[in-house]
Amino acid sequence: MKWPDHFFIFGNEFGKPIRPDSIGQWWRRFTQKHDFKHIRFHDLRHTSATLLISEGVHAKVISERLGHADISTTMNIYGHVLEEADKTAASHFDKFFEKKA
């Protein structure tokens, strides 16, 4: 095997790496064919993280899924989204203390 210490997420039928621009080209054709708003393929990673945050998934879990070596990397990149999620959580908590009419 030519690359015994590597695992390619995207490879050809023989396990060899494919050109990185091939993935972007395939993604563009896919979004056009299905009439989706086009975003860069890499932005799917950010979308995934943001959706997980909005669903209340713990930042450590998200950090591990993204492959960040340290949770602080995740917090630095997605801190603003976490702040918004915290505000939403706080507004839900406030409802517990509202007077019932």
PDB file of N, CA and C in Angstrom:
ATOM      1  N   MET A   1       0.845  -1.181   0.000  1.00  0.00           N
ATOM      2  CA  MET A   1       0.000   0.000   0.000  1.00  0.00           C
ATOM      3  C   MET A   1       0.891   1.244   0.000  1.00  0.00           C
ATOM      4  N   LYS A   2       0.527   2.191  -0.815  1.00  0.00           N
ATOM      5  CA  LYS A   2       1.363   3.372  -0.989  1.00  0.00           C
ATOM      6  C   LYS A   2       1.305   4.329   0.206  1.00  0.00           C
ATOM      7  N   TRP A   3       0.131   4.427   0.876  1.00  0.00           N
ATOM      8  CA  TRP A   3      -0.043   5.346   2.001  1.00  0.00           C
ATOM      9  C   TRP A   3      -0.550   4.579   3.224  1.00  0.00           C
ATOM     10  N   PRO A   4       0.266   3.728   3.842  1.00  0.00           N
ATOM     11  CA  PRO A   4      -0.221   2.890   4.940  1.00  0.00           C
ATOM     12  C   PRO A   4      -0.606   3.670   6.196  1.00  0.00           C
ATOM     13  N   ASP A   5      -0.052   4.851   6.380  1.00  0.00           N
ATOM     14  CA  ASP A   5      -0.336   5.633   7.585  1.00  0.00           C
ATOM     15  C   ASP A   5      -1.372   6.730   7.356  1.00  0.00           C
ATOM     16  N   HIS A   6      -2.107   6.655   6.252  1.00  0.00           N
ATOM     17  CA  HIS A   6      -3.083   7.693   5.935  1.00  0.00           C
ATOM     18  C   HIS A   6      -4.463   7.083   5.730  1.00  0.00           C
ATOM     19  N   PHE A   7      -5.455   7.850   6.114  1.00  0.00           N
ATOM     20  CA  PHE A   7      -6.841   7.494   5.837  1.00  0.00           C
ATOM     21  C   PHE A   7      -7.442   8.682   5.113  1.00  0.00           C
ATOM     22  N   PHE A   8      -7.810   8.475   3.876  1.00  0.00           N
ATOM     23  CA  PHE A   8      -8.374   9.555   3.081  1.00  0.00           C
ATOM     24  C   PHE A   8      -9.888   9.526   3.180  1.00  0.00           C
ATOM     25  N   ILE A   9     -10.460  10.642   3.544  1.00  0.00           N
ATOM     26  CA  ILE A   9     -11.921  10.739   3.612  1.00  0.00           C
ATOM     27  C   ILE A   9     -12.506  10.600   2.217  1.00  0.00           C
ATOM     28  N   PHE A  10     -11.845  11.207   1.249  1.00  0.00           N
ATOM     29  CA  PHE A  10     -12.276  11.117  -0.133  1.00  0.00           C
ATOM     30  C   PHE A  10     -11.173  10.451  -0.934  1.00  0.00           C
ATOM     31  N   GLY A  11     -11.483   9.296  -1.446  1.00  0.00           N
ATOM     32  CA  GLY A  11     -10.515   8.582  -2.261  1.00  0.00           C
ATOM     33  C   GLY A  11     -11.210   7.964  -3.460  1.00  0.00           C
ATOM     34  N   ASN A  12     -10.413   7.496  -4.379  1.00  0.00           N
ATOM     35  CA  ASN A  12     -11.008   6.835  -5.541  1.00  0.00           C
ATOM     36  C   ASN A  12     -11.301   5.373  -5.192  1.00  0.00           C
ATOM     37  N   GLU A  13     -11.736   4.619  -6.162  1.00  0.00           N
ATOM     38  CA  GLU A  13     -12.123   3.222  -5.900  1.00  0.00           C
ATOM     39  C   GLU A  13     -10.947   2.350  -5.475  1.00  0.00           C
ATOM     40  N   PHE A  14      -9.723   2.836  -5.616  1.00  0.00           N
ATOM     41  CA  PHE A  14      -8.532   2.089  -5.220  1.00  0.00           C
ATOM     42  C   PHE A  14      -7.950   2.593  -3.896  1.00  0.00           C
ATOM     43  N   GLY A  15      -8.647   3.555  -3.264  1.00  0.00           N
ATOM     44  CA  GLY A  15      -8.183   4.089  -1.996  1.00  0.00           C
ATOM     45  C   GLY A  15      -7.142   5.175  -2.117  1.00  0.00           C
ATOM     46  N   LYS A  16      -6.879   5.604  -3.328  1.00  0.00           N
ATOM     47  CA  LYS A  16      -5.900   6.669  -3.535  1.00  0.00           C
ATOM     48  C   LYS A  16      -6.581   8.024  -3.378  1.00  0.00           C
ATOM     49  N   PRO A  17      -5.814   9.041  -2.975  1.00  0.00           N
ATOM     50  CA  PRO A  17      -6.419  10.363  -2.809  1.00  0.00           C
ATOM     51  C   PRO A  17      -6.865  10.943  -4.146  1.00  0.00           C
ATOM     52  N   ILE A  18      -7.932  11.735  -4.070  1.00  0.00           N
ATOM     53  CA  ILE A  18      -8.378  12.443  -5.274  1.00  0.00           C
ATOM     54  C   ILE A  18      -8.030  13.915  -5.119  1.00  0.00           C
ATOM     55  N   ARG A  19      -8.045  14.601  -6.213  1.00  0.00           N
ATOM     56  CA  ARG A  19      -7.707  16.029  -6.187  1.00  0.00           C
ATOM     57  C   ARG A  19      -8.731  16.786  -5.345  1.00  0.00           C
ATOM     58  N   PRO A  20      -8.280  17.660  -4.452  1.00  0.00           N
ATOM     59  CA  PRO A  20      -9.210  18.415  -3.607  1.00  0.00           C
ATOM     60  C   PRO A  20     -10.224  19.229  -4.401  1.00  0.00           C
ATOM     61  N   ASP A  21      -9.833  19.760  -5.555  1.00  0.00           N
ATOM     62  CA  ASP A  21     -10.785  20.564  -6.333  1.00  0.00           C
ATOM     63  C   ASP A  21     -11.889  19.697  -6.938  1.00  0.00           C
ATOM     64  N   SER A  22     -11.668  18.394  -7.048  1.00  0.00           N
ATOM     65  CA  SER A  22     -12.704  17.499  -7.568  1.00  0.00           C
ATOM     66  C   SER A  22     -13.915  17.469  -6.645  1.00  0.00           C
ATOM     67  N   ILE A  23     -13.665  17.523  -5.352  1.00  0.00           N
ATOM     68  CA  ILE A  23     -14.746  17.500  -4.371  1.00  0.00           C
ATOM     69  C   ILE A  23     -15.592  18.759  -4.505  1.00  0.00           C
ATOM     70  N   GLY A  24     -14.942  19.904  -4.628  1.00  0.00           N
ATOM     71  CA  GLY A  24     -15.674  21.160  -4.797  1.00  0.00           C
ATOM     72  C   GLY A  24     -16.487  21.186  -6.082  1.00  0.00           C
ATOM     73  N   GLN A  25     -15.920  20.642  -7.140  1.00  0.00           N
ATOM     74  CA  GLN A  25     -16.644  20.591  -8.420  1.00  0.00           C
ATOM     75  C   GLN A  25     -17.863  19.676  -8.312  1.00  0.00           C
ATOM     76  N   TRP A  26     -17.678  18.513  -7.690  1.00  0.00           N
ATOM     77  CA  TRP A  26     -18.800  17.594  -7.510  1.00  0.00           C
ATOM     78  C   TRP A  26     -19.888  18.261  -6.669  1.00  0.00           C
ATOM     79  N   TRP A  27     -19.501  18.934  -5.587  1.00  0.00           N
ATOM     80  CA  TRP A  27     -20.461  19.584  -4.694  1.00  0.00           C
ATOM     81  C   TRP A  27     -21.246  20.675  -5.427  1.00  0.00           C
ATOM     82  N   ARG A  28     -20.556  21.470  -6.246  1.00  0.00           N
ATOM     83  CA  ARG A  28     -21.240  22.520  -7.002  1.00  0.00           C
ATOM     84  C   ARG A  28     -22.279  21.912  -7.944  1.00  0.00           C
ATOM     85  N   ARG A  29     -21.898  20.872  -8.658  1.00  0.00           N
ATOM     86  CA  ARG A  29     -22.861  20.219  -9.563  1.00  0.00           C
ATOM     87  C   ARG A  29     -24.036  19.637  -8.777  1.00  0.00           C
ATOM     88  N   PHE A  30     -23.780  19.056  -7.628  1.00  0.00           N
ATOM     89  CA  PHE A  30     -24.826  18.472  -6.794  1.00  0.00           C
ATOM     90  C   PHE A  30     -25.814  19.537  -6.329  1.00  0.00           C
ATOM     91  N   THR A  31     -25.304  20.668  -5.829  1.00  0.00           N
ATOM     92  CA  THR A  31     -26.207  21.717  -5.350  1.00  0.00           C
ATOM     93  C   THR A  31     -27.009  22.327  -6.484  1.00  0.00           C
ATOM     94  N   GLN A  32     -26.401  22.463  -7.650  1.00  0.00           N
ATOM     95  CA  GLN A  32     -27.130  22.997  -8.805  1.00  0.00           C
ATOM     96  C   GLN A  32     -28.211  22.023  -9.262  1.00  0.00           C
ATOM     97  N   LYS A  33     -27.866  20.757  -9.334  1.00  0.00           N
ATOM     98  CA  LYS A  33     -28.819  19.735  -9.786  1.00  0.00           C
ATOM     99  C   LYS A  33     -30.052  19.677  -8.885  1.00  0.00           C
ATOM    100  N   HIS A  34     -29.835  19.857  -7.588  1.00  0.00           N
ATOM    101  CA  HIS A  34     -30.935  19.741  -6.630  1.00  0.00           C
ATOM    102  C   HIS A  34     -31.490  21.102  -6.209  1.00  0.00           C
ATOM    103  N   ASP A  35     -31.048  22.147  -6.892  1.00  0.00           N
ATOM    104  CA  ASP A  35     -31.528  23.505  -6.656  1.00  0.00           C
ATOM    105  C   ASP A  35     -31.366  23.934  -5.193  1.00  0.00           C
ATOM    106  N   PHE A  36     -30.192  23.590  -4.615  1.00  0.00           N
ATOM    107  CA  PHE A  36     -29.858  24.023  -3.266  1.00  0.00           C
ATOM    108  C   PHE A  36     -29.058  25.313  -3.347  1.00  0.00           C
ATOM    109  N   LYS A  37     -29.182  26.122  -2.303  1.00  0.00           N
ATOM    110  CA  LYS A  37     -28.308  27.289  -2.213  1.00  0.00           C
ATOM    111  C   LYS A  37     -26.879  26.766  -2.107  1.00  0.00           C
ATOM    112  N   HIS A  38     -25.989  27.311  -2.918  1.00  0.00           N
ATOM    113  CA  HIS A  38     -24.620  26.816  -2.901  1.00  0.00           C
ATOM    114  C   HIS A  38     -23.825  27.454  -1.776  1.00  0.00           C
ATOM    115  N   ILE A  39     -23.185  26.609  -1.001  1.00  0.00           N
ATOM    116  CA  ILE A  39     -22.183  27.042  -0.040  1.00  0.00           C
ATOM    117  C   ILE A  39     -20.932  26.215  -0.323  1.00  0.00           C
ATOM    118  N   ARG A  40     -19.792  26.698   0.125  1.00  0.00           N
ATOM    119  CA  ARG A  40     -18.576  25.919  -0.083  1.00  0.00           C
ATOM    120  C   ARG A  40     -18.693  24.590   0.656  1.00  0.00           C
ATOM    121  N   PHE A  41     -18.074  23.566   0.120  1.00  0.00           N
ATOM    122  CA  PHE A  41     -18.137  22.251   0.745  1.00  0.00           C
ATOM    123  C   PHE A  41     -17.641  22.321   2.186  1.00  0.00           C
ATOM    124  N   HIS A  42     -16.583  23.056   2.428  1.00  0.00           N
ATOM    125  CA  HIS A  42     -16.033  23.182   3.777  1.00  0.00           C
ATOM    126  C   HIS A  42     -17.035  23.821   4.736  1.00  0.00           C
ATOM    127  N   ASP A  43     -17.923  24.657   4.216  1.00  0.00           N
ATOM    128  CA  ASP A  43     -18.913  25.304   5.076  1.00  0.00           C
ATOM    129  C   ASP A  43     -19.916  24.324   5.665  1.00  0.00           C
ATOM    130  N   LEU A  44     -20.008  23.116   5.102  1.00  0.00           N
ATOM    131  CA  LEU A  44     -20.865  22.088   5.699  1.00  0.00           C
ATOM    132  C   LEU A  44     -20.380  21.760   7.108  1.00  0.00           C
ATOM    133  N   ARG A  45     -19.089  21.825   7.298  1.00  0.00           N
ATOM    134  CA  ARG A  45     -18.493  21.580   8.620  1.00  0.00           C
ATOM    135  C   ARG A  45     -18.993  22.626   9.618  1.00  0.00           C
ATOM    136  N   HIS A  46     -18.976  23.885   9.202  1.00  0.00           N
ATOM    137  CA  HIS A  46     -19.444  24.954  10.080  1.00  0.00           C
ATOM    138  C   HIS A  46     -20.949  24.852  10.321  1.00  0.00           C
ATOM    139  N   THR A  47     -21.683  24.500   9.289  1.00  0.00           N
ATOM    140  CA  THR A  47     -23.128  24.339   9.431  1.00  0.00           C
ATOM    141  C   THR A  47     -23.432  23.240  10.441  1.00  0.00           C
ATOM    142  N   SER A  48     -22.728  22.131  10.328  1.00  0.00           N
ATOM    143  CA  SER A  48     -22.913  21.023  11.259  1.00  0.00           C
ATOM    144  C   SER A  48     -22.661  21.466  12.692  1.00  0.00           C
ATOM    145  N   ALA A  49     -21.549  22.136  12.923  1.00  0.00           N
ATOM    146  CA  ALA A  49     -21.212  22.598  14.271  1.00  0.00           C
ATOM    147  C   ALA A  49     -22.267  23.558  14.807  1.00  0.00           C
ATOM    148  N   THR A  50     -22.703  24.484  13.971  1.00  0.00           N
ATOM    149  CA  THR A  50     -23.694  25.472  14.394  1.00  0.00           C
ATOM    150  C   THR A  50     -25.025  24.811  14.744  1.00  0.00           C
ATOM    151  N   LEU A  51     -25.449  23.852  13.928  1.00  0.00           N
ATOM    152  CA  LEU A  51     -26.700  23.144  14.211  1.00  0.00           C
ATOM    153  C   LEU A  51     -26.603  22.347  15.509  1.00  0.00           C
ATOM    154  N   LEU A  52     -25.472  21.714  15.737  1.00  0.00           N
ATOM    155  CA  LEU A  52     -25.292  20.956  16.976  1.00  0.00           C
ATOM    156  C   LEU A  52     -25.323  21.880  18.191  1.00  0.00           C
ATOM    157  N   ILE A  53     -24.696  23.041  18.070  1.00  0.00           N
ATOM    158  CA  ILE A  53     -24.729  24.011  19.163  1.00  0.00           C
ATOM    159  C   ILE A  53     -26.158  24.455  19.430  1.00  0.00           C
ATOM    160  N   SER A  54     -26.889  24.743  18.372  1.00  0.00           N
ATOM    161  CA  SER A  54     -28.269  25.233  18.548  1.00  0.00           C
ATOM    162  C   SER A  54     -29.179  24.161  19.153  1.00  0.00           C
ATOM    163  N   GLU A  55     -28.787  22.908  19.029  1.00  0.00           N
ATOM    164  CA  GLU A  55     -29.567  21.817  19.628  1.00  0.00           C
ATOM    165  C   GLU A  55     -29.093  21.473  21.034  1.00  0.00           C
ATOM    166  N   GLY A  56     -28.120  22.237  21.536  1.00  0.00           N
ATOM    167  CA  GLY A  56     -27.677  22.064  22.912  1.00  0.00           C
ATOM    168  C   GLY A  56     -26.638  20.977  23.121  1.00  0.00           C
ATOM    169  N   VAL A  57     -25.997  20.514  22.061  1.00  0.00           N
ATOM    170  CA  VAL A  57     -24.951  19.507  22.206  1.00  0.00           C
ATOM    171  C   VAL A  57     -23.748  20.152  22.889  1.00  0.00           C
ATOM    172  N   HIS A  58     -23.168  19.448  23.832  1.00  0.00           N
ATOM    173  CA  HIS A  58     -22.047  19.984  24.606  1.00  0.00           C
ATOM    174  C   HIS A  58     -20.873  20.319  23.691  1.00  0.00           C
ATOM    175  N   ALA A  59     -20.221  21.433  23.994  1.00  0.00           N
ATOM    176  CA  ALA A  59     -19.112  21.912  23.166  1.00  0.00           C
ATOM    177  C   ALA A  59     -17.968  20.903  23.082  1.00  0.00           C
ATOM    178  N   LYS A  60     -17.743  20.128  24.129  1.00  0.00           N
ATOM    179  CA  LYS A  60     -16.677  19.120  24.099  1.00  0.00           C
ATOM    180  C   LYS A  60     -16.976  18.051  23.048  1.00  0.00           C
ATOM    181  N   VAL A  61     -18.227  17.647  22.947  1.00  0.00           N
ATOM    182  CA  VAL A  61     -18.636  16.653  21.947  1.00  0.00           C
ATOM    183  C   VAL A  61     -18.429  17.219  20.541  1.00  0.00           C
ATOM    184  N   ILE A  62     -18.837  18.459  20.350  1.00  0.00           N
ATOM    185  CA  ILE A  62     -18.672  19.109  19.047  1.00  0.00           C
ATOM    186  C   ILE A  62     -17.193  19.225  18.705  1.00  0.00           C
ATOM    187  N   SER A  63     -16.398  19.613  19.677  1.00  0.00           N
ATOM    188  CA  SER A  63     -14.964  19.742  19.477  1.00  0.00           C
ATOM    189  C   SER A  63     -14.357  18.425  19.002  1.00  0.00           C
ATOM    190  N   GLU A  64     -14.763  17.333  19.630  1.00  0.00           N
ATOM    191  CA  GLU A  64     -14.249  16.016  19.240  1.00  0.00           C
ATOM    192  C   GLU A  64     -14.704  15.637  17.833  1.00  0.00           C
ATOM    193  N   ARG A  65     -15.956  15.930  17.509  1.00  0.00           N
ATOM    194  CA  ARG A  65     -16.471  15.607  16.175  1.00  0.00           C
ATOM    195  C   ARG A  65     -15.722  16.385  15.094  1.00  0.00           C
ATOM    196  N   LEU A  66     -15.339  17.615  15.414  1.00  0.00           N
ATOM    197  CA  LEU A  66     -14.613  18.445  14.454  1.00  0.00           C
ATOM    198  C   LEU A  66     -13.137  18.083  14.378  1.00  0.00           C
ATOM    199  N   GLY A  67     -12.679  17.281  15.327  1.00  0.00           N
ATOM    200  CA  GLY A  67     -11.279  16.888  15.333  1.00  0.00           C
ATOM    201  C   GLY A  67     -10.346  17.941  15.901  1.00  0.00           C
ATOM    202  N   HIS A  68     -10.899  18.862  16.676  1.00  0.00           N
ATOM    203  CA  HIS A  68     -10.059  19.875  17.301  1.00  0.00           C
ATOM    204  C   HIS A  68      -9.271  19.233  18.435  1.00  0.00           C
ATOM    205  N   ALA A  69      -8.000  19.556  18.528  1.00  0.00           N
ATOM    206  CA  ALA A  69      -7.145  18.996  19.562  1.00  0.00           C
ATOM    207  C   ALA A  69      -7.538  19.503  20.950  1.00  0.00           C
ATOM    208  N   ASP A  70      -8.151  20.678  20.987  1.00  0.00           N
ATOM    209  CA  ASP A  70      -8.476  21.309  22.257  1.00  0.00           C
ATOM    210  C   ASP A  70      -9.830  21.990  22.134  1.00  0.00           C
ATOM    211  N   ILE A  71     -10.625  21.909  23.180  1.00  0.00           N
ATOM    212  CA  ILE A  71     -11.959  22.532  23.160  1.00  0.00           C
ATOM    213  C   ILE A  71     -11.857  24.048  23.001  1.00  0.00           C
ATOM    214  N   SER A  72     -10.733  24.635  23.396  1.00  0.00           N
ATOM    215  CA  SER A  72     -10.589  26.091  23.259  1.00  0.00           C
ATOM    216  C   SER A  72     -10.605  26.509  21.791  1.00  0.00           C
ATOM    217  N   THR A  73     -10.144  25.651  20.904  1.00  0.00           N
ATOM    218  CA  THR A  73     -10.212  25.959  19.467  1.00  0.00           C
ATOM    219  C   THR A  73     -11.670  26.096  19.047  1.00  0.00           C
ATOM    220  N   THR A  74     -12.477  25.143  19.470  1.00  0.00           N
ATOM    221  CA  THR A  74     -13.911  25.180  19.148  1.00  0.00           C
ATOM    222  C   THR A  74     -14.555  26.424  19.745  1.00  0.00           C
ATOM    223  N   MET A  75     -14.221  26.736  20.980  1.00  0.00           N
ATOM    224  CA  MET A  75     -14.806  27.890  21.644  1.00  0.00           C
ATOM    225  C   MET A  75     -14.400  29.193  20.955  1.00  0.00           C
ATOM    226  N   ASN A  76     -13.159  29.273  20.495  1.00  0.00           N
ATOM    227  CA  ASN A  76     -12.709  30.481  19.797  1.00  0.00           C
ATOM    228  C   ASN A  76     -13.433  30.665  18.478  1.00  0.00           C
ATOM    229  N   ILE A  77     -13.685  29.574  17.772  1.00  0.00           N
ATOM    230  CA  ILE A  77     -14.334  29.673  16.460  1.00  0.00           C
ATOM    231  C   ILE A  77     -15.840  29.864  16.590  1.00  0.00           C
ATOM    232  N   TYR A  78     -16.460  29.140  17.522  1.00  0.00           N
ATOM    233  CA  TYR A  78     -17.923  29.120  17.610  1.00  0.00           C
ATOM    234  C   TYR A  78     -18.460  29.807  18.863  1.00  0.00           C
ATOM    235  N   GLY A  79     -17.627  30.564  19.545  1.00  0.00           N
ATOM    236  CA  GLY A  79     -18.047  31.231  20.779  1.00  0.00           C
ATOM    237  C   GLY A  79     -19.265  32.112  20.600  1.00  0.00           C
ATOM    238  N   HIS A  80     -19.333  32.831  19.488  1.00  0.00           N
ATOM    239  CA  HIS A  80     -20.479  33.728  19.262  1.00  0.00           C
ATOM    240  C   HIS A  80     -21.781  32.943  19.128  1.00  0.00           C
ATOM    241  N   VAL A  81     -21.716  31.757  18.534  1.00  0.00           N
ATOM    242  CA  VAL A  81     -22.909  30.927  18.393  1.00  0.00           C
ATOM    243  C   VAL A  81     -23.313  30.374  19.757  1.00  0.00           C
ATOM    244  N   LEU A  82     -22.320  29.992  20.556  1.00  0.00           N
ATOM    245  CA  LEU A  82     -22.602  29.498  21.902  1.00  0.00           C
ATOM    246  C   LEU A  82     -23.239  30.580  22.758  1.00  0.00           C
ATOM    247  N   GLU A  83     -22.800  31.828  22.595  1.00  0.00           N
ATOM    248  CA  GLU A  83     -23.398  32.933  23.343  1.00  0.00           C
ATOM    249  C   GLU A  83     -24.872  33.090  22.981  1.00  0.00           C
ATOM    250  N   GLU A  84     -25.184  32.985  21.697  1.00  0.00           N
ATOM    251  CA  GLU A  84     -26.588  33.085  21.266  1.00  0.00           C
ATOM    252  C   GLU A  84     -27.406  31.926  21.824  1.00  0.00           C
ATOM    253  N   ALA A  85     -26.838  30.731  21.820  1.00  0.00           N
ATOM    254  CA  ALA A  85     -27.535  29.567  22.369  1.00  0.00           C
ATOM    255  C   ALA A  85     -27.782  29.757  23.864  1.00  0.00           C
ATOM    256  N   ASP A  86     -26.814  30.360  24.559  1.00  0.00           N
ATOM    257  CA  ASP A  86     -26.963  30.617  25.984  1.00  0.00           C
ATOM    258  C   ASP A  86     -28.084  31.623  26.238  1.00  0.00           C
ATOM    259  N   LYS A  87     -28.169  32.653  25.418  1.00  0.00           N
ATOM    260  CA  LYS A  87     -29.247  33.639  25.569  1.00  0.00           C
ATOM    261  C   LYS A  87     -30.611  32.978  25.357  1.00  0.00           C
ATOM    262  N   THR A  88     -30.690  32.110  24.375  1.00  0.00           N
ATOM    263  CA  THR A  88     -31.942  31.391  24.125  1.00  0.00           C
ATOM    264  C   THR A  88     -32.300  30.515  25.316  1.00  0.00           C
ATOM    265  N   ALA A  89     -31.303  29.817  25.853  1.00  0.00           N
ATOM    266  CA  ALA A  89     -31.549  28.969  27.020  1.00  0.00           C
ATOM    267  C   ALA A  89     -32.021  29.803  28.201  1.00  0.00           C
ATOM    268  N   ALA A  90     -31.417  30.963  28.385  1.00  0.00           N
ATOM    269  CA  ALA A  90     -31.809  31.836  29.492  1.00  0.00           C
ATOM    270  C   ALA A  90     -33.249  32.306  29.327  1.00  0.00           C
ATOM    271  N   SER A  91     -33.651  32.616  28.113  1.00  0.00           N
ATOM    272  CA  SER A  91     -35.029  33.074  27.907  1.00  0.00           C
ATOM    273  C   SER A  91     -36.022  31.942  28.191  1.00  0.00           C
ATOM    274  N   HIS A  92     -35.642  30.721  27.903  1.00  0.00           N
ATOM    275  CA  HIS A  92     -36.516  29.581  28.239  1.00  0.00           C
ATOM    276  C   HIS A  92     -36.604  29.421  29.758  1.00  0.00           C
ATOM    277  N   PHE A  93     -35.485  29.612  30.419  1.00  0.00           N
ATOM    278  CA  PHE A  93     -35.458  29.476  31.870  1.00  0.00           C
ATOM    279  C   PHE A  93     -36.307  30.556  32.527  1.00  0.00           C
ATOM    280  N   ASP A  94     -36.306  31.754  31.969  1.00  0.00           N
ATOM    281  CA  ASP A  94     -37.107  32.856  32.509  1.00  0.00           C
ATOM    282  C   ASP A  94     -38.589  32.503  32.565  1.00  0.00           C
ATOM    283  N   LYS A  95     -39.041  31.688  31.643  1.00  0.00           N
ATOM    284  CA  LYS A  95     -40.461  31.310  31.593  1.00  0.00           C
ATOM    285  C   LYS A  95     -40.896  30.554  32.843  1.00  0.00           C
ATOM    286  N   PHE A  96     -39.958  29.913  33.519  1.00  0.00           N
ATOM    287  CA  PHE A  96     -40.295  29.189  34.741  1.00  0.00           C
ATOM    288  C   PHE A  96     -40.750  30.135  35.842  1.00  0.00           C
ATOM    289  N   PHE A  97     -40.294  31.386  35.766  1.00  0.00           N
ATOM    290  CA  PHE A  97     -40.573  32.336  36.837  1.00  0.00           C
ATOM    291  C   PHE A  97     -41.647  33.358  36.465  1.00  0.00           C
ATOM    292  N   GLU A  98     -42.224  33.215  35.288  1.00  0.00           N
ATOM    293  CA  GLU A  98     -43.301  34.142  34.902  1.00  0.00           C
ATOM    294  C   GLU A  98     -44.536  33.845  35.715  1.00  0.00           C
ATOM    295  N   LYS A  99     -45.231  34.921  36.079  1.00  0.00           N
ATOM    296  CA  LYS A  99     -46.481  34.761  36.827  1.00  0.00           C
ATOM    297  C   LYS A  99     -47.551  34.211  35.885  1.00  0.00           C
ATOM    298  N   LYS A 100     -48.266  33.276  36.377  1.00  0.00           N
ATOM    299  CA  LYS A 100     -49.378  32.708  35.594  1.00  0.00           C
ATOM    300  C   LYS A 100     -50.607  33.577  35.827  1.00  0.00           C
ATOM    301  N   ALA A 101     -51.279  33.927  34.759  1.00  0.00           N
ATOM    302  CA  ALA A 101     -52.455  34.802  34.856  1.00  0.00           C
ATOM    303  C   ALA A 101     -53.682  34.026  35.251  1.00  0.00           C
TER     304      ALA A 101
END
